Amino acid sequence: FQRLLRLLLATFDPRAWAHFIKVMNFYNYNHLQEIRKARVSKSANIAPHAGFANGQNLEIGDNATIGAYCQFIAGPGRARVVIGRDALFAPDVMITATSYRYDDGAPVTDQAMDEADVIIGADCWIGRGATILAGTSLGEGCIVAAHSVVRGAFPPYTIVGGAPARRIGARTPPPGAGEMPGKSG
């Protein structure tokens, strides 16, 4: 009986409604508002906890899966974040196409930002807690180990890990990988 009474009282508590509005507002500007601006495949799977910034510069390909609490920050100007088809992101992945300069004076937030595209190829797998920095390009089929910090270009089917990330292995490409559509070898 006491649980039911608490539930009924909470229903009329203005603090509960204020919190509800606050949560909905956060969800709208951190997820819905930005994802509406992005070019997102209808077959993409995006966790409701994922956050996005500068959605106008974001592309998410067919069957891409974005895990819980991932954060994708495209550039406010021109830098894009492009996610290829069938890419898989574990929870807590951070991608940023921007970074603050650090040698222009102080405070840091008054300094100019540098922007560079982040390109994640088709069939890439990004491990939990990885950070992908501005200017990174991962070729098709790359795997990024959990908690890695990635910057730079990596060829298709490379396995990278560490902070900073480096090549730690290679993945065997599936038969026909890299062939042009409609061509046979």
N, C-alpha and C. Protein backbone atom coordinates (compact mmCIF):
# COMPACT_ATOMS: atom_id res chain seq x y z
N PHE A 1 0.82 -1.19 0.00
CA PHE A 1 0.00 0.00 0.00
C PHE A 1 0.87 1.27 0.00
N GLN A 2 1.99 1.24 0.76
CA GLN A 2 2.85 2.42 0.84
C GLN A 2 3.50 2.74 -0.51
N ARG A 3 3.84 1.72 -1.26
CA ARG A 3 4.42 1.95 -2.60
C ARG A 3 3.41 2.63 -3.52
N LEU A 4 2.21 2.17 -3.48
CA LEU A 4 1.15 2.77 -4.30
C LEU A 4 0.92 4.22 -3.89
N LEU A 5 0.91 4.47 -2.61
CA LEU A 5 0.72 5.84 -2.12
C LEU A 5 1.88 6.74 -2.58
N ARG A 6 3.13 6.24 -2.48
CA ARG A 6 4.28 7.02 -2.95
C ARG A 6 4.17 7.33 -4.44
N LEU A 7 3.74 6.35 -5.22
CA LEU A 7 3.57 6.55 -6.66
C LEU A 7 2.53 7.63 -6.94
N LEU A 8 1.42 7.56 -6.26
CA LEU A 8 0.37 8.57 -6.47
C LEU A 8 0.83 9.96 -6.07
N LEU A 9 1.53 10.06 -4.94
CA LEU A 9 2.03 11.36 -4.50
C LEU A 9 3.09 11.90 -5.47
N ALA A 10 3.94 11.03 -5.98
CA ALA A 10 4.96 11.46 -6.93
C ALA A 10 4.35 11.97 -8.23
N THR A 11 3.22 11.40 -8.61
CA THR A 11 2.55 11.83 -9.83
C THR A 11 2.15 13.30 -9.76
N PHE A 12 1.87 13.79 -8.59
CA PHE A 12 1.43 15.18 -8.43
C PHE A 12 2.54 16.09 -7.90
N ASP A 13 3.75 15.57 -7.74
CA ASP A 13 4.86 16.36 -7.23
C ASP A 13 5.42 17.23 -8.36
N PRO A 14 5.41 18.55 -8.24
CA PRO A 14 5.91 19.41 -9.32
C PRO A 14 7.41 19.21 -9.59
N ARG A 15 8.16 18.78 -8.59
CA ARG A 15 9.59 18.53 -8.81
C ARG A 15 9.80 17.38 -9.78
N ALA A 16 8.94 16.36 -9.72
CA ALA A 16 9.05 15.23 -10.65
C ALA A 16 8.78 15.70 -12.07
N TRP A 17 7.80 16.55 -12.25
CA TRP A 17 7.49 17.07 -13.58
C TRP A 17 8.58 17.99 -14.09
N ALA A 18 9.17 18.80 -13.21
CA ALA A 18 10.27 19.67 -13.62
C ALA A 18 11.47 18.84 -14.08
N HIS A 19 11.75 17.76 -13.36
CA HIS A 19 12.85 16.88 -13.76
C HIS A 19 12.54 16.23 -15.11
N PHE A 20 11.32 15.78 -15.31
CA PHE A 20 10.91 15.18 -16.58
C PHE A 20 11.15 16.16 -17.74
N ILE A 21 10.77 17.41 -17.56
CA ILE A 21 10.94 18.41 -18.61
C ILE A 21 12.43 18.65 -18.88
N LYS A 22 13.22 18.70 -17.83
CA LYS A 22 14.67 18.89 -17.96
C LYS A 22 15.30 17.74 -18.75
N VAL A 23 14.93 16.51 -18.44
CA VAL A 23 15.47 15.34 -19.14
C VAL A 23 15.04 15.35 -20.60
N MET A 24 13.79 15.65 -20.87
CA MET A 24 13.30 15.68 -22.25
C MET A 24 14.00 16.78 -23.06
N ASN A 25 14.24 17.93 -22.45
CA ASN A 25 14.94 19.01 -23.13
C ASN A 25 16.37 18.59 -23.47
N PHE A 26 17.07 17.97 -22.52
CA PHE A 26 18.42 17.49 -22.77
C PHE A 26 18.43 16.49 -23.91
N TYR A 27 17.52 15.52 -23.88
CA TYR A 27 17.45 14.49 -24.91
C TYR A 27 17.20 15.13 -26.27
N ASN A 28 16.34 16.14 -26.31
CA ASN A 28 16.02 16.79 -27.58
C ASN A 28 17.24 17.48 -28.16
N TYR A 29 17.94 18.32 -27.37
CA TYR A 29 19.04 19.06 -27.98
C TYR A 29 20.29 18.23 -28.15
N ASN A 30 20.48 17.16 -27.40
CA ASN A 30 21.67 16.34 -27.49
C ASN A 30 21.52 15.18 -28.46
N HIS A 31 20.32 14.81 -28.79
CA HIS A 31 20.11 13.64 -29.64
C HIS A 31 19.18 13.97 -30.80
N LEU A 32 17.93 14.22 -30.52
CA LEU A 32 16.94 14.36 -31.58
C LEU A 32 17.20 15.54 -32.50
N GLN A 33 17.44 16.69 -31.94
CA GLN A 33 17.63 17.89 -32.75
C GLN A 33 18.81 17.73 -33.71
N GLU A 34 19.91 17.19 -33.24
CA GLU A 34 21.09 17.03 -34.09
C GLU A 34 20.92 15.89 -35.08
N ILE A 35 20.30 14.80 -34.68
CA ILE A 35 20.16 13.65 -35.58
C ILE A 35 19.20 14.00 -36.73
N ARG A 36 18.27 14.92 -36.48
CA ARG A 36 17.37 15.38 -37.55
C ARG A 36 18.14 16.12 -38.64
N LYS A 37 19.22 16.79 -38.29
CA LYS A 37 20.03 17.53 -39.25
C LYS A 37 20.95 16.62 -40.06
N ALA A 38 21.26 15.45 -39.53
CA ALA A 38 22.24 14.55 -40.13
C ALA A 38 21.64 13.75 -41.28
N ARG A 39 22.53 13.17 -42.08
CA ARG A 39 22.13 12.22 -43.13
C ARG A 39 22.31 10.83 -42.53
N VAL A 40 21.21 10.23 -42.13
CA VAL A 40 21.23 8.94 -41.43
C VAL A 40 20.42 7.93 -42.22
N SER A 41 21.02 6.78 -42.50
CA SER A 41 20.30 5.71 -43.19
C SER A 41 19.13 5.25 -42.33
N LYS A 42 18.05 4.91 -42.96
CA LYS A 42 16.89 4.39 -42.22
C LYS A 42 17.18 3.05 -41.57
N SER A 43 18.21 2.34 -42.04
CA SER A 43 18.54 1.04 -41.44
C SER A 43 19.59 1.15 -40.33
N ALA A 44 20.04 2.35 -40.01
CA ALA A 44 21.01 2.53 -38.92
C ALA A 44 20.33 2.27 -37.58
N ASN A 45 21.10 1.73 -36.65
CA ASN A 45 20.61 1.45 -35.30
C ASN A 45 21.35 2.35 -34.33
N ILE A 46 20.63 3.29 -33.71
CA ILE A 46 21.27 4.28 -32.85
C ILE A 46 20.67 4.20 -31.46
N ALA A 47 21.53 3.98 -30.46
CA ALA A 47 21.07 3.92 -29.07
C ALA A 47 20.48 5.27 -28.66
N PRO A 48 19.43 5.25 -27.86
CA PRO A 48 18.81 6.51 -27.45
C PRO A 48 19.70 7.37 -26.56
N HIS A 49 20.77 6.80 -26.02
CA HIS A 49 21.67 7.56 -25.15
C HIS A 49 22.81 8.22 -25.92
N ALA A 50 22.92 7.97 -27.23
CA ALA A 50 23.99 8.54 -28.02
C ALA A 50 23.78 10.04 -28.16
N GLY A 51 24.88 10.79 -28.22
CA GLY A 51 24.80 12.24 -28.36
C GLY A 51 25.52 12.70 -29.61
N PHE A 52 25.03 13.78 -30.19
CA PHE A 52 25.58 14.29 -31.44
C PHE A 52 25.70 15.80 -31.37
N ALA A 53 26.68 16.34 -32.07
CA ALA A 53 26.82 17.78 -32.20
C ALA A 53 27.13 18.11 -33.66
N ASN A 54 26.58 19.21 -34.13
CA ASN A 54 26.77 19.68 -35.51
C ASN A 54 26.32 18.63 -36.52
N GLY A 55 25.09 18.17 -36.33
CA GLY A 55 24.52 17.12 -37.15
C GLY A 55 24.53 17.39 -38.64
N GLN A 56 24.56 18.65 -39.04
CA GLN A 56 24.59 18.98 -40.47
C GLN A 56 25.85 18.42 -41.15
N ASN A 57 26.87 18.09 -40.38
CA ASN A 57 28.12 17.55 -40.92
C ASN A 57 28.32 16.08 -40.56
N LEU A 58 27.24 15.36 -40.33
CA LEU A 58 27.29 13.96 -39.90
C LEU A 58 26.56 13.08 -40.90
N GLU A 59 27.20 11.96 -41.28
CA GLU A 59 26.59 10.96 -42.15
C GLU A 59 26.74 9.59 -41.49
N ILE A 60 25.65 8.84 -41.41
CA ILE A 60 25.68 7.49 -40.84
C ILE A 60 25.10 6.53 -41.87
N GLY A 61 25.89 5.54 -42.29
CA GLY A 61 25.55 4.63 -43.37
C GLY A 61 24.61 3.50 -42.98
N ASP A 62 24.25 2.72 -43.99
CA ASP A 62 23.33 1.59 -43.84
C ASP A 62 23.81 0.61 -42.78
N ASN A 63 22.89 0.16 -41.96
CA ASN A 63 23.12 -0.88 -40.95
C ASN A 63 24.20 -0.54 -39.93
N ALA A 64 24.62 0.71 -39.85
CA ALA A 64 25.58 1.10 -38.82
C ALA A 64 24.90 0.97 -37.46
N THR A 65 25.65 0.56 -36.44
CA THR A 65 25.12 0.42 -35.09
C THR A 65 25.93 1.31 -34.15
N ILE A 66 25.23 2.25 -33.51
CA ILE A 66 25.85 3.20 -32.60
C ILE A 66 25.44 2.81 -31.18
N GLY A 67 26.41 2.44 -30.34
CA GLY A 67 26.14 1.96 -28.99
C GLY A 67 25.77 3.06 -28.02
N ALA A 68 25.39 2.63 -26.82
CA ALA A 68 24.96 3.54 -25.76
C ALA A 68 26.08 4.51 -25.38
N TYR A 69 25.71 5.73 -25.15
CA TYR A 69 26.58 6.80 -24.64
C TYR A 69 27.72 7.17 -25.59
N CYS A 70 27.61 6.82 -26.86
CA CYS A 70 28.59 7.29 -27.84
C CYS A 70 28.35 8.78 -28.07
N GLN A 71 29.42 9.51 -28.36
CA GLN A 71 29.35 10.95 -28.64
C GLN A 71 30.05 11.22 -29.96
N PHE A 72 29.31 11.79 -30.91
CA PHE A 72 29.86 12.12 -32.22
C PHE A 72 29.80 13.63 -32.38
N ILE A 73 30.96 14.27 -32.52
CA ILE A 73 31.02 15.72 -32.63
C ILE A 73 31.65 16.08 -33.97
N ALA A 74 30.82 16.46 -34.92
CA ALA A 74 31.31 16.95 -36.20
C ALA A 74 31.75 18.39 -36.01
N GLY A 75 32.44 18.94 -37.00
CA GLY A 75 32.89 20.31 -36.90
C GLY A 75 31.75 21.31 -37.03
N PRO A 76 31.83 22.43 -36.33
CA PRO A 76 30.79 23.44 -36.47
C PRO A 76 30.86 24.15 -37.82
N GLY A 77 32.02 24.08 -38.48
CA GLY A 77 32.19 24.70 -39.79
C GLY A 77 32.03 23.70 -40.91
N ARG A 78 33.12 23.03 -41.25
CA ARG A 78 33.10 22.16 -42.42
C ARG A 78 33.46 20.70 -42.15
N ALA A 79 34.08 20.41 -41.03
CA ALA A 79 34.59 19.05 -40.79
C ALA A 79 33.45 18.06 -40.59
N ARG A 80 33.53 16.97 -41.35
CA ARG A 80 32.49 15.95 -41.32
C ARG A 80 32.90 14.74 -40.48
N VAL A 81 31.90 14.04 -39.98
CA VAL A 81 32.07 12.71 -39.44
C VAL A 81 31.24 11.81 -40.35
N VAL A 82 31.92 10.87 -41.02
CA VAL A 82 31.26 9.98 -41.98
C VAL A 82 31.44 8.55 -41.49
N ILE A 83 30.32 7.86 -41.28
CA ILE A 83 30.31 6.48 -40.79
C ILE A 83 29.84 5.58 -41.93
N GLY A 84 30.66 4.60 -42.30
CA GLY A 84 30.32 3.70 -43.40
C GLY A 84 29.28 2.65 -43.01
N ARG A 85 28.81 1.96 -44.01
CA ARG A 85 27.79 0.91 -43.82
C ARG A 85 28.34 -0.21 -42.92
N ASP A 86 27.47 -0.79 -42.15
CA ASP A 86 27.79 -1.94 -41.28
C ASP A 86 28.84 -1.65 -40.22
N ALA A 87 29.14 -0.38 -39.97
CA ALA A 87 30.09 -0.05 -38.90
C ALA A 87 29.44 -0.34 -37.54
N LEU A 88 30.24 -0.76 -36.59
CA LEU A 88 29.74 -1.15 -35.27
C LEU A 88 30.51 -0.38 -34.20
N PHE A 89 29.77 0.34 -33.36
CA PHE A 89 30.37 1.13 -32.29
C PHE A 89 29.90 0.58 -30.95
N ALA A 90 30.84 0.15 -30.13
CA ALA A 90 30.54 -0.30 -28.76
C ALA A 90 30.15 0.93 -27.94
N PRO A 91 29.69 0.76 -26.71
CA PRO A 91 29.33 1.90 -25.87
C PRO A 91 30.53 2.83 -25.59
N ASP A 92 30.19 4.08 -25.31
CA ASP A 92 31.14 5.09 -24.83
C ASP A 92 32.21 5.51 -25.83
N VAL A 93 31.98 5.32 -27.12
CA VAL A 93 32.95 5.76 -28.12
C VAL A 93 32.79 7.27 -28.32
N MET A 94 33.91 7.96 -28.44
CA MET A 94 33.92 9.41 -28.67
C MET A 94 34.60 9.69 -30.00
N ILE A 95 33.90 10.41 -30.87
CA ILE A 95 34.49 10.86 -32.13
C ILE A 95 34.40 12.37 -32.16
N THR A 96 35.51 13.02 -32.45
CA THR A 96 35.49 14.47 -32.58
C THR A 96 36.26 14.90 -33.82
N ALA A 97 35.66 15.79 -34.60
CA ALA A 97 36.29 16.33 -35.79
C ALA A 97 36.90 17.70 -35.51
N THR A 98 37.01 18.06 -34.23
CA THR A 98 37.55 19.36 -33.85
C THR A 98 38.53 19.21 -32.68
N SER A 99 39.39 20.19 -32.56
CA SER A 99 40.23 20.27 -31.37
C SER A 99 40.65 21.72 -31.20
N TYR A 100 40.79 22.15 -29.95
CA TYR A 100 41.26 23.50 -29.68
C TYR A 100 42.76 23.57 -29.87
N ARG A 101 43.21 24.70 -30.37
CA ARG A 101 44.65 24.95 -30.39
C ARG A 101 45.08 25.20 -28.95
N TYR A 102 46.35 25.03 -28.67
CA TYR A 102 46.80 25.20 -27.29
C TYR A 102 47.94 26.21 -27.16
N ASP A 103 48.41 26.72 -28.28
CA ASP A 103 49.56 27.62 -28.22
C ASP A 103 49.22 29.07 -28.55
N ASP A 104 47.94 29.40 -28.65
CA ASP A 104 47.53 30.74 -29.06
C ASP A 104 47.34 31.68 -27.88
N GLY A 105 47.58 31.26 -26.67
CA GLY A 105 47.36 32.09 -25.50
C GLY A 105 46.42 31.43 -24.53
N ALA A 106 45.82 32.24 -23.68
CA ALA A 106 44.94 31.68 -22.66
C ALA A 106 43.72 32.56 -22.55
N PRO A 107 42.62 32.10 -22.11
CA PRO A 107 42.32 30.70 -21.79
C PRO A 107 42.11 29.86 -23.05
N VAL A 108 42.19 28.56 -22.88
CA VAL A 108 42.08 27.63 -24.01
C VAL A 108 40.78 27.84 -24.78
N THR A 109 39.70 28.09 -24.09
CA THR A 109 38.40 28.21 -24.77
C THR A 109 38.31 29.45 -25.65
N ASP A 110 39.24 30.40 -25.52
CA ASP A 110 39.27 31.57 -26.39
C ASP A 110 40.11 31.32 -27.65
N GLN A 111 40.77 30.20 -27.72
CA GLN A 111 41.62 29.91 -28.87
C GLN A 111 40.81 29.33 -30.02
N ALA A 112 41.36 29.47 -31.20
CA ALA A 112 40.70 28.94 -32.40
C ALA A 112 40.65 27.41 -32.35
N MET A 113 39.70 26.85 -33.07
CA MET A 113 39.60 25.39 -33.18
C MET A 113 40.08 24.95 -34.55
N ASP A 114 40.72 23.81 -34.60
CA ASP A 114 41.09 23.18 -35.86
C ASP A 114 40.06 22.10 -36.14
N GLU A 115 39.70 21.96 -37.41
CA GLU A 115 38.72 20.96 -37.82
C GLU A 115 39.33 20.07 -38.89
N ALA A 116 39.00 18.79 -38.87
CA ALA A 116 39.41 17.84 -39.90
C ALA A 116 38.41 16.70 -39.93
N ASP A 117 38.08 16.23 -41.13
CA ASP A 117 37.12 15.15 -41.29
C ASP A 117 37.56 13.89 -40.55
N VAL A 118 36.57 13.13 -40.09
CA VAL A 118 36.78 11.79 -39.55
C VAL A 118 35.99 10.85 -40.44
N ILE A 119 36.68 9.89 -41.05
CA ILE A 119 36.06 8.94 -41.96
C ILE A 119 36.23 7.54 -41.39
N ILE A 120 35.12 6.89 -41.10
CA ILE A 120 35.11 5.51 -40.61
C ILE A 120 34.55 4.66 -41.75
N GLY A 121 35.38 3.77 -42.30
CA GLY A 121 34.99 2.96 -43.44
C GLY A 121 33.91 1.93 -43.12
N ALA A 122 33.44 1.29 -44.16
CA ALA A 122 32.43 0.24 -44.02
C ALA A 122 32.99 -0.92 -43.18
N ASP A 123 32.11 -1.56 -42.42
CA ASP A 123 32.44 -2.77 -41.67
C ASP A 123 33.55 -2.58 -40.64
N CYS A 124 33.70 -1.35 -40.12
CA CYS A 124 34.66 -1.12 -39.04
C CYS A 124 34.02 -1.46 -37.71
N TRP A 125 34.83 -1.89 -36.77
CA TRP A 125 34.36 -2.22 -35.42
C TRP A 125 35.18 -1.39 -34.45
N ILE A 126 34.50 -0.52 -33.70
CA ILE A 126 35.18 0.38 -32.76
C ILE A 126 34.86 -0.09 -31.35
N GLY A 127 35.88 -0.44 -30.58
CA GLY A 127 35.72 -1.00 -29.25
C GLY A 127 35.30 0.03 -28.20
N ARG A 128 34.82 -0.47 -27.11
CA ARG A 128 34.30 0.35 -26.01
C ARG A 128 35.31 1.40 -25.53
N GLY A 129 34.81 2.61 -25.38
CA GLY A 129 35.61 3.68 -24.81
C GLY A 129 36.70 4.24 -25.72
N ALA A 130 36.71 3.86 -26.98
CA ALA A 130 37.73 4.39 -27.90
C ALA A 130 37.45 5.86 -28.18
N THR A 131 38.52 6.61 -28.44
CA THR A 131 38.42 8.01 -28.82
C THR A 131 39.04 8.16 -30.20
N ILE A 132 38.25 8.69 -31.13
CA ILE A 132 38.69 8.90 -32.51
C ILE A 132 38.84 10.40 -32.71
N LEU A 133 40.06 10.86 -33.00
CA LEU A 133 40.35 12.28 -33.07
C LEU A 133 40.26 12.83 -34.49
N ALA A 134 40.17 14.15 -34.58
CA ALA A 134 40.06 14.86 -35.85
C ALA A 134 41.15 14.42 -36.81
N GLY A 135 40.77 14.25 -38.07
CA GLY A 135 41.71 13.87 -39.11
C GLY A 135 41.92 12.38 -39.27
N THR A 136 41.19 11.58 -38.52
CA THR A 136 41.37 10.12 -38.60
C THR A 136 40.60 9.55 -39.79
N SER A 137 41.21 8.58 -40.43
CA SER A 137 40.58 7.85 -41.53
C SER A 137 40.85 6.37 -41.32
N LEU A 138 39.78 5.60 -41.14
CA LEU A 138 39.90 4.15 -40.98
C LEU A 138 39.35 3.49 -42.24
N GLY A 139 40.18 2.70 -42.91
CA GLY A 139 39.74 2.00 -44.11
C GLY A 139 38.72 0.93 -43.78
N GLU A 140 38.11 0.40 -44.80
CA GLU A 140 37.09 -0.65 -44.65
C GLU A 140 37.62 -1.79 -43.79
N GLY A 141 36.77 -2.27 -42.88
CA GLY A 141 37.08 -3.46 -42.10
C GLY A 141 38.05 -3.28 -40.95
N CYS A 142 38.42 -2.05 -40.63
CA CYS A 142 39.35 -1.84 -39.51
C CYS A 142 38.69 -2.18 -38.18
N ILE A 143 39.50 -2.58 -37.22
CA ILE A 143 39.05 -2.82 -35.85
C ILE A 143 39.89 -1.92 -34.95
N VAL A 144 39.21 -1.24 -34.01
CA VAL A 144 39.89 -0.40 -33.03
C VAL A 144 39.67 -1.03 -31.66
N ALA A 145 40.75 -1.32 -30.97
CA ALA A 145 40.68 -1.94 -29.64
C ALA A 145 40.04 -0.99 -28.63
N ALA A 146 39.45 -1.56 -27.61
CA ALA A 146 38.81 -0.79 -26.55
C ALA A 146 39.78 0.21 -25.94
N HIS A 147 39.28 1.39 -25.63
CA HIS A 147 40.01 2.45 -24.93
C HIS A 147 41.22 2.99 -25.69
N SER A 148 41.25 2.78 -26.99
CA SER A 148 42.33 3.32 -27.81
C SER A 148 42.09 4.80 -28.10
N VAL A 149 43.16 5.52 -28.39
CA VAL A 149 43.08 6.91 -28.83
C VAL A 149 43.67 6.95 -30.23
N VAL A 150 42.80 7.22 -31.22
CA VAL A 150 43.18 7.05 -32.62
C VAL A 150 43.28 8.39 -33.34
N ARG A 151 44.40 8.58 -34.02
CA ARG A 151 44.60 9.73 -34.90
C ARG A 151 45.45 9.25 -36.06
N GLY A 152 45.06 9.63 -37.27
CA GLY A 152 45.83 9.28 -38.45
C GLY A 152 45.04 8.40 -39.39
N ALA A 153 45.71 7.96 -40.44
CA ALA A 153 45.08 7.13 -41.47
C ALA A 153 45.56 5.69 -41.34
N PHE A 154 44.61 4.76 -41.41
CA PHE A 154 44.92 3.33 -41.32
C PHE A 154 44.30 2.62 -42.51
N PRO A 155 45.05 1.76 -43.18
CA PRO A 155 44.54 1.07 -44.37
C PRO A 155 43.46 0.05 -44.02
N PRO A 156 42.73 -0.40 -45.03
CA PRO A 156 41.67 -1.39 -44.80
C PRO A 156 42.16 -2.62 -44.04
N TYR A 157 41.29 -3.15 -43.20
CA TYR A 157 41.48 -4.40 -42.46
C TYR A 157 42.65 -4.38 -41.47
N THR A 158 43.00 -3.18 -41.01
CA THR A 158 44.03 -3.04 -39.99
C THR A 158 43.38 -3.10 -38.61
N ILE A 159 44.06 -3.74 -37.67
CA ILE A 159 43.63 -3.74 -36.28
C ILE A 159 44.55 -2.78 -35.54
N VAL A 160 43.95 -1.78 -34.87
CA VAL A 160 44.74 -0.77 -34.16
C VAL A 160 44.37 -0.78 -32.69
N GLY A 161 45.33 -0.40 -31.85
CA GLY A 161 45.06 -0.31 -30.42
C GLY A 161 46.13 0.49 -29.73
N GLY A 162 45.78 0.97 -28.53
CA GLY A 162 46.73 1.71 -27.72
C GLY A 162 46.42 3.19 -27.67
N ALA A 163 47.25 3.89 -26.89
CA ALA A 163 47.11 5.34 -26.75
C ALA A 163 48.50 5.95 -26.79
N PRO A 164 48.96 6.43 -27.92
CA PRO A 164 48.24 6.56 -29.18
C PRO A 164 48.14 5.21 -29.90
N ALA A 165 47.10 5.10 -30.71
CA ALA A 165 46.85 3.84 -31.42
C ALA A 165 47.91 3.62 -32.49
N ARG A 166 48.26 2.35 -32.65
CA ARG A 166 49.18 1.93 -33.70
C ARG A 166 48.69 0.59 -34.22
N ARG A 167 49.25 0.16 -35.32
CA ARG A 167 48.84 -1.12 -35.91
C ARG A 167 49.29 -2.24 -34.98
N ILE A 168 48.36 -3.12 -34.62
CA ILE A 168 48.71 -4.27 -33.78
C ILE A 168 48.38 -5.59 -34.46
N GLY A 169 47.79 -5.51 -35.65
CA GLY A 169 47.45 -6.72 -36.37
C GLY A 169 46.70 -6.40 -37.64
N ALA A 170 46.23 -7.47 -38.26
CA ALA A 170 45.46 -7.32 -39.49
C ALA A 170 44.32 -8.33 -39.49
N ARG A 171 43.27 -7.95 -40.12
CA ARG A 171 42.08 -8.79 -40.26
C ARG A 171 42.08 -9.36 -41.67
N THR A 172 41.67 -10.59 -41.83
CA THR A 172 41.60 -11.20 -43.15
C THR A 172 40.38 -10.64 -43.89
N PRO A 173 40.62 -10.01 -45.03
CA PRO A 173 39.47 -9.49 -45.79
C PRO A 173 38.58 -10.63 -46.28
N PRO A 174 37.28 -10.40 -46.33
CA PRO A 174 36.39 -11.43 -46.87
C PRO A 174 36.63 -11.59 -48.37
N PRO A 175 36.27 -12.74 -48.93
CA PRO A 175 36.44 -12.93 -50.38
C PRO A 175 35.73 -11.82 -51.16
N GLY A 176 36.43 -11.29 -52.14
CA GLY A 176 35.84 -10.24 -52.97
C GLY A 176 35.99 -8.84 -52.42
N ALA A 177 36.60 -8.68 -51.24
CA ALA A 177 36.75 -7.34 -50.65
C ALA A 177 37.66 -6.51 -51.52
N GLY A 178 37.29 -5.28 -51.71
CA GLY A 178 38.10 -4.36 -52.49
C GLY A 178 37.83 -4.40 -53.97
N GLU A 179 36.98 -5.33 -54.43
CA GLU A 179 36.64 -5.38 -55.85
C GLU A 179 35.61 -4.30 -56.17
N MET A 180 35.67 -3.84 -57.38
CA MET A 180 34.68 -2.86 -57.83
C MET A 180 33.36 -3.58 -58.08
N PRO A 181 32.21 -2.96 -57.73
CA PRO A 181 30.92 -3.59 -58.00
C PRO A 181 30.77 -3.90 -59.48
N GLY A 182 30.28 -5.10 -59.78
CA GLY A 182 30.05 -5.50 -61.16
C GLY A 182 31.29 -6.05 -61.85
N LYS A 183 32.42 -6.03 -61.18
CA LYS A 183 33.67 -6.55 -61.77
C LYS A 183 34.03 -7.85 -61.07
N SER A 184 34.68 -8.72 -61.76
CA SER A 184 35.17 -9.95 -61.13
C SER A 184 36.61 -10.15 -61.57
N GLY A 185 37.36 -10.79 -60.68
CA GLY A 185 38.80 -10.91 -60.90
C GLY A 185 39.14 -12.16 -61.52
